[in-house]
């Protein structure tokens, strides 16, 4: 949860509010799909299943945000890569 909050804050600080929104939507959908499977059928874990589904959906959102952050910070523009003589 801490890494998710931190990565959301980094994106908001960079002025990008759409990436945290998309990650939150994916996390909500994952939680919506995992809750019935872990709470009711087939696992029948009850509240423990709901907690596991919420934790798993937060991990998914965190991974999506960290992947997007890595791409934004460490990817070079294609024009710079093509004009770099060291890459040839």
N, C-alpha and C. Protein backbone atom coordinates (compact mmCIF):
# COMPACT_ATOMS: atom_id res chain seq x y z
N UNK A 1 0.83 -1.19 0.00
CA UNK A 1 0.00 0.00 0.00
C UNK A 1 0.87 1.25 0.00
N UNK A 2 2.00 1.19 0.68
CA UNK A 2 2.88 2.35 0.74
C UNK A 2 3.50 2.63 -0.63
N UNK A 3 3.94 1.59 -1.34
CA UNK A 3 4.52 1.78 -2.66
C UNK A 3 3.48 2.30 -3.64
N UNK A 4 2.24 1.85 -3.51
CA UNK A 4 1.17 2.32 -4.38
C UNK A 4 0.91 3.80 -4.13
N UNK A 5 0.81 4.21 -2.90
CA UNK A 5 0.58 5.62 -2.57
C UNK A 5 1.76 6.48 -3.02
N UNK A 6 2.97 5.99 -2.83
CA UNK A 6 4.14 6.75 -3.24
C UNK A 6 4.20 6.91 -4.76
N UNK A 7 3.91 5.84 -5.49
CA UNK A 7 3.96 5.94 -6.96
C UNK A 7 2.84 6.83 -7.48
N UNK A 8 1.67 6.79 -6.85
CA UNK A 8 0.61 7.71 -7.25
C UNK A 8 1.03 9.16 -7.01
N UNK A 9 1.69 9.41 -5.89
CA UNK A 9 2.16 10.75 -5.59
C UNK A 9 3.22 11.22 -6.57
N UNK A 10 4.09 10.32 -6.99
CA UNK A 10 5.12 10.68 -7.97
C UNK A 10 4.47 11.09 -9.28
N UNK A 11 3.50 10.32 -9.73
CA UNK A 11 2.82 10.66 -10.98
C UNK A 11 2.09 11.99 -10.86
N UNK A 12 1.43 12.21 -9.76
CA UNK A 12 0.71 13.48 -9.58
C UNK A 12 1.70 14.64 -9.51
N UNK A 13 2.85 14.42 -8.90
CA UNK A 13 3.88 15.45 -8.85
C UNK A 13 4.44 15.77 -10.23
N UNK A 14 4.47 14.76 -11.10
CA UNK A 14 4.93 14.98 -12.47
C UNK A 14 3.84 15.59 -13.35
N UNK A 15 2.64 15.75 -12.80
CA UNK A 15 1.54 16.34 -13.56
C UNK A 15 0.72 15.33 -14.33
N UNK A 16 0.96 14.05 -14.12
CA UNK A 16 0.23 12.99 -14.82
C UNK A 16 -0.78 12.38 -13.86
N UNK A 17 -2.04 12.74 -14.04
CA UNK A 17 -3.08 12.18 -13.18
C UNK A 17 -3.83 11.04 -13.85
N UNK A 18 -3.58 10.82 -15.12
CA UNK A 18 -4.32 9.76 -15.82
C UNK A 18 -3.74 8.37 -15.52
N UNK A 19 -2.45 8.26 -15.31
CA UNK A 19 -1.86 6.95 -15.02
C UNK A 19 -2.36 6.39 -13.68
N UNK A 20 -2.40 7.17 -12.59
CA UNK A 20 -2.97 6.64 -11.36
C UNK A 20 -4.46 6.31 -11.49
N UNK A 21 -5.17 7.10 -12.29
CA UNK A 21 -6.59 6.81 -12.52
C UNK A 21 -6.76 5.48 -13.22
N UNK A 22 -5.99 5.25 -14.27
CA UNK A 22 -6.09 3.97 -15.00
C UNK A 22 -5.69 2.80 -14.11
N UNK A 23 -4.64 2.96 -13.32
CA UNK A 23 -4.22 1.89 -12.41
C UNK A 23 -5.29 1.62 -11.36
N UNK A 24 -5.93 2.66 -10.87
CA UNK A 24 -7.01 2.50 -9.91
C UNK A 24 -8.21 1.78 -10.50
N UNK A 25 -8.51 2.08 -11.76
CA UNK A 25 -9.61 1.38 -12.44
C UNK A 25 -9.30 -0.09 -12.63
N UNK A 26 -8.07 -0.40 -13.02
CA UNK A 26 -7.68 -1.81 -13.18
C UNK A 26 -7.72 -2.53 -11.84
N UNK A 27 -7.28 -1.85 -10.78
CA UNK A 27 -7.31 -2.46 -9.45
C UNK A 27 -8.74 -2.70 -9.00
N UNK A 28 -9.62 -1.78 -9.29
CA UNK A 28 -11.03 -1.97 -8.92
C UNK A 28 -11.65 -3.13 -9.66
N UNK A 29 -11.34 -3.24 -10.95
CA UNK A 29 -11.86 -4.37 -11.73
C UNK A 29 -11.30 -5.69 -11.23
N UNK A 30 -10.01 -5.71 -10.90
CA UNK A 30 -9.40 -6.93 -10.38
C UNK A 30 -10.05 -7.32 -9.05
N UNK A 31 -10.29 -6.33 -8.20
CA UNK A 31 -10.94 -6.60 -6.92
C UNK A 31 -12.37 -7.09 -7.13
N UNK A 32 -13.05 -6.50 -8.09
CA UNK A 32 -14.42 -6.90 -8.40
C UNK A 32 -14.48 -8.35 -8.88
N UNK A 33 -13.48 -8.77 -9.63
CA UNK A 33 -13.45 -10.15 -10.12
C UNK A 33 -12.95 -11.14 -9.07
N UNK A 34 -12.00 -10.72 -8.24
CA UNK A 34 -11.42 -11.63 -7.25
C UNK A 34 -12.29 -11.81 -6.00
N UNK A 35 -13.03 -10.78 -5.63
CA UNK A 35 -13.84 -10.88 -4.41
C UNK A 35 -14.81 -12.05 -4.42
N UNK A 36 -15.64 -12.22 -5.45
CA UNK A 36 -16.57 -13.35 -5.40
C UNK A 36 -15.85 -14.70 -5.39
N UNK A 37 -14.74 -14.79 -6.11
CA UNK A 37 -14.02 -16.06 -6.18
C UNK A 37 -13.38 -16.45 -4.86
N UNK A 38 -12.89 -15.46 -4.13
CA UNK A 38 -12.21 -15.77 -2.88
C UNK A 38 -13.15 -15.75 -1.67
N UNK A 39 -14.22 -14.96 -1.75
CA UNK A 39 -15.13 -14.87 -0.61
C UNK A 39 -16.22 -15.94 -0.64
N UNK A 40 -16.83 -16.10 -1.80
CA UNK A 40 -18.04 -16.92 -1.88
C UNK A 40 -17.75 -18.29 -2.47
N UNK A 41 -17.33 -18.30 -3.72
CA UNK A 41 -17.16 -19.56 -4.42
C UNK A 41 -15.90 -19.48 -5.25
N UNK A 42 -15.05 -20.37 -5.38
CA UNK A 42 -14.98 -21.70 -4.78
C UNK A 42 -14.18 -21.74 -3.48
N UNK A 43 -13.44 -20.68 -3.16
CA UNK A 43 -12.54 -20.75 -2.00
C UNK A 43 -13.28 -20.65 -0.66
N UNK A 44 -14.34 -19.86 -0.60
CA UNK A 44 -15.14 -19.67 0.62
C UNK A 44 -14.29 -19.23 1.81
N UNK A 45 -13.52 -18.19 1.58
CA UNK A 45 -12.64 -17.70 2.64
C UNK A 45 -13.26 -16.58 3.46
N UNK A 46 -14.37 -16.03 3.02
CA UNK A 46 -15.05 -14.97 3.76
C UNK A 46 -14.25 -13.68 3.76
N UNK A 47 -14.13 -13.09 4.95
CA UNK A 47 -13.44 -11.81 5.09
C UNK A 47 -11.96 -11.94 4.72
N UNK A 48 -11.38 -13.07 5.01
CA UNK A 48 -9.97 -13.31 4.65
C UNK A 48 -9.80 -13.26 3.13
N UNK A 49 -10.75 -13.83 2.40
CA UNK A 49 -10.71 -13.79 0.94
C UNK A 49 -10.87 -12.38 0.41
N UNK A 50 -11.73 -11.59 1.05
CA UNK A 50 -11.89 -10.19 0.63
C UNK A 50 -10.61 -9.41 0.84
N UNK A 51 -9.93 -9.66 1.96
CA UNK A 51 -8.66 -8.98 2.23
C UNK A 51 -7.60 -9.41 1.23
N UNK A 52 -7.56 -10.69 0.90
CA UNK A 52 -6.58 -11.18 -0.08
C UNK A 52 -6.86 -10.59 -1.46
N UNK A 53 -8.12 -10.48 -1.84
CA UNK A 53 -8.47 -9.90 -3.14
C UNK A 53 -8.09 -8.43 -3.19
N UNK A 54 -8.31 -7.71 -2.11
CA UNK A 54 -7.94 -6.29 -2.08
C UNK A 54 -6.43 -6.13 -2.14
N UNK A 55 -5.71 -6.94 -1.39
CA UNK A 55 -4.25 -6.88 -1.44
C UNK A 55 -3.70 -7.21 -2.81
N UNK A 56 -4.26 -8.24 -3.45
CA UNK A 56 -3.80 -8.62 -4.78
C UNK A 56 -4.10 -7.52 -5.80
N UNK A 57 -5.25 -6.88 -5.69
CA UNK A 57 -5.57 -5.82 -6.64
C UNK A 57 -4.66 -4.60 -6.44
N UNK A 58 -4.26 -4.32 -5.20
CA UNK A 58 -3.33 -3.23 -4.96
C UNK A 58 -1.95 -3.55 -5.49
N UNK A 59 -1.54 -4.79 -5.42
CA UNK A 59 -0.25 -5.20 -5.99
C UNK A 59 -0.27 -5.03 -7.50
N UNK A 60 -1.39 -5.39 -8.13
CA UNK A 60 -1.53 -5.22 -9.58
C UNK A 60 -1.40 -3.74 -9.95
N UNK A 61 -2.11 -2.88 -9.23
CA UNK A 61 -2.05 -1.44 -9.51
C UNK A 61 -0.65 -0.89 -9.31
N UNK A 62 0.02 -1.32 -8.25
CA UNK A 62 1.38 -0.86 -7.98
C UNK A 62 2.34 -1.29 -9.08
N UNK A 63 2.21 -2.52 -9.53
CA UNK A 63 3.08 -3.01 -10.61
C UNK A 63 2.84 -2.23 -11.90
N UNK A 64 1.59 -1.93 -12.21
CA UNK A 64 1.30 -1.14 -13.40
C UNK A 64 1.91 0.26 -13.31
N UNK A 65 1.79 0.89 -12.15
CA UNK A 65 2.34 2.23 -12.00
C UNK A 65 3.86 2.23 -12.03
N UNK A 66 4.48 1.26 -11.39
CA UNK A 66 5.94 1.21 -11.40
C UNK A 66 6.48 0.91 -12.80
N UNK A 67 5.78 0.08 -13.54
CA UNK A 67 6.18 -0.21 -14.92
C UNK A 67 6.06 1.06 -15.78
N UNK A 68 4.98 1.78 -15.62
CA UNK A 68 4.79 3.01 -16.38
C UNK A 68 5.82 4.06 -15.98
N UNK A 69 6.12 4.14 -14.69
CA UNK A 69 7.12 5.10 -14.22
C UNK A 69 8.50 4.76 -14.78
N UNK A 70 8.82 3.48 -14.80
CA UNK A 70 10.11 3.05 -15.36
C UNK A 70 10.20 3.43 -16.83
N UNK A 71 9.13 3.22 -17.57
CA UNK A 71 9.13 3.57 -19.00
C UNK A 71 9.29 5.06 -19.21
N UNK A 72 8.63 5.86 -18.37
CA UNK A 72 8.72 7.31 -18.55
C UNK A 72 10.09 7.85 -18.16
N UNK A 73 10.70 7.29 -17.14
CA UNK A 73 11.96 7.85 -16.66
C UNK A 73 13.18 7.32 -17.39
N UNK A 74 13.14 6.08 -17.83
CA UNK A 74 14.35 5.46 -18.36
C UNK A 74 14.32 5.13 -19.84
N UNK A 75 13.29 5.52 -20.54
CA UNK A 75 13.27 5.25 -21.97
C UNK A 75 13.77 6.49 -22.71
N UNK A 76 14.58 6.24 -23.72
CA UNK A 76 15.09 7.35 -24.53
C UNK A 76 14.17 7.55 -25.71
N UNK A 77 14.02 8.78 -26.15
CA UNK A 77 13.21 9.02 -27.34
C UNK A 77 13.82 8.33 -28.55
N UNK A 78 13.01 7.84 -29.48
CA UNK A 78 13.56 7.13 -30.65
C UNK A 78 14.51 7.99 -31.46
N UNK A 79 14.28 9.30 -31.57
CA UNK A 79 15.16 10.15 -32.36
C UNK A 79 16.56 10.23 -31.73
N UNK A 80 16.64 10.25 -30.41
CA UNK A 80 17.93 10.31 -29.75
C UNK A 80 18.69 9.01 -29.91
N UNK A 81 17.99 7.89 -29.88
CA UNK A 81 18.64 6.60 -30.05
C UNK A 81 19.17 6.43 -31.47
N UNK A 82 18.47 6.95 -32.45
CA UNK A 82 18.89 6.81 -33.84
C UNK A 82 20.10 7.70 -34.15
N UNK A 83 20.21 8.87 -33.49
CA UNK A 83 21.31 9.77 -33.79
C UNK A 83 22.53 9.54 -32.90
N UNK A 84 22.45 8.63 -31.96
CA UNK A 84 23.55 8.34 -31.06
C UNK A 84 24.56 7.44 -31.76
N UNK A 85 25.81 7.90 -31.99
CA UNK A 85 26.78 7.06 -32.69
C UNK A 85 27.22 5.86 -31.85
N UNK A 86 27.08 5.92 -30.55
CA UNK A 86 27.50 4.80 -29.70
C UNK A 86 26.57 3.60 -29.86
N UNK A 87 25.32 3.85 -30.28
CA UNK A 87 24.38 2.73 -30.42
C UNK A 87 24.55 2.01 -31.74
N UNK A 88 25.33 2.51 -32.63
CA UNK A 88 25.51 1.87 -33.95
C UNK A 88 26.51 0.76 -33.93
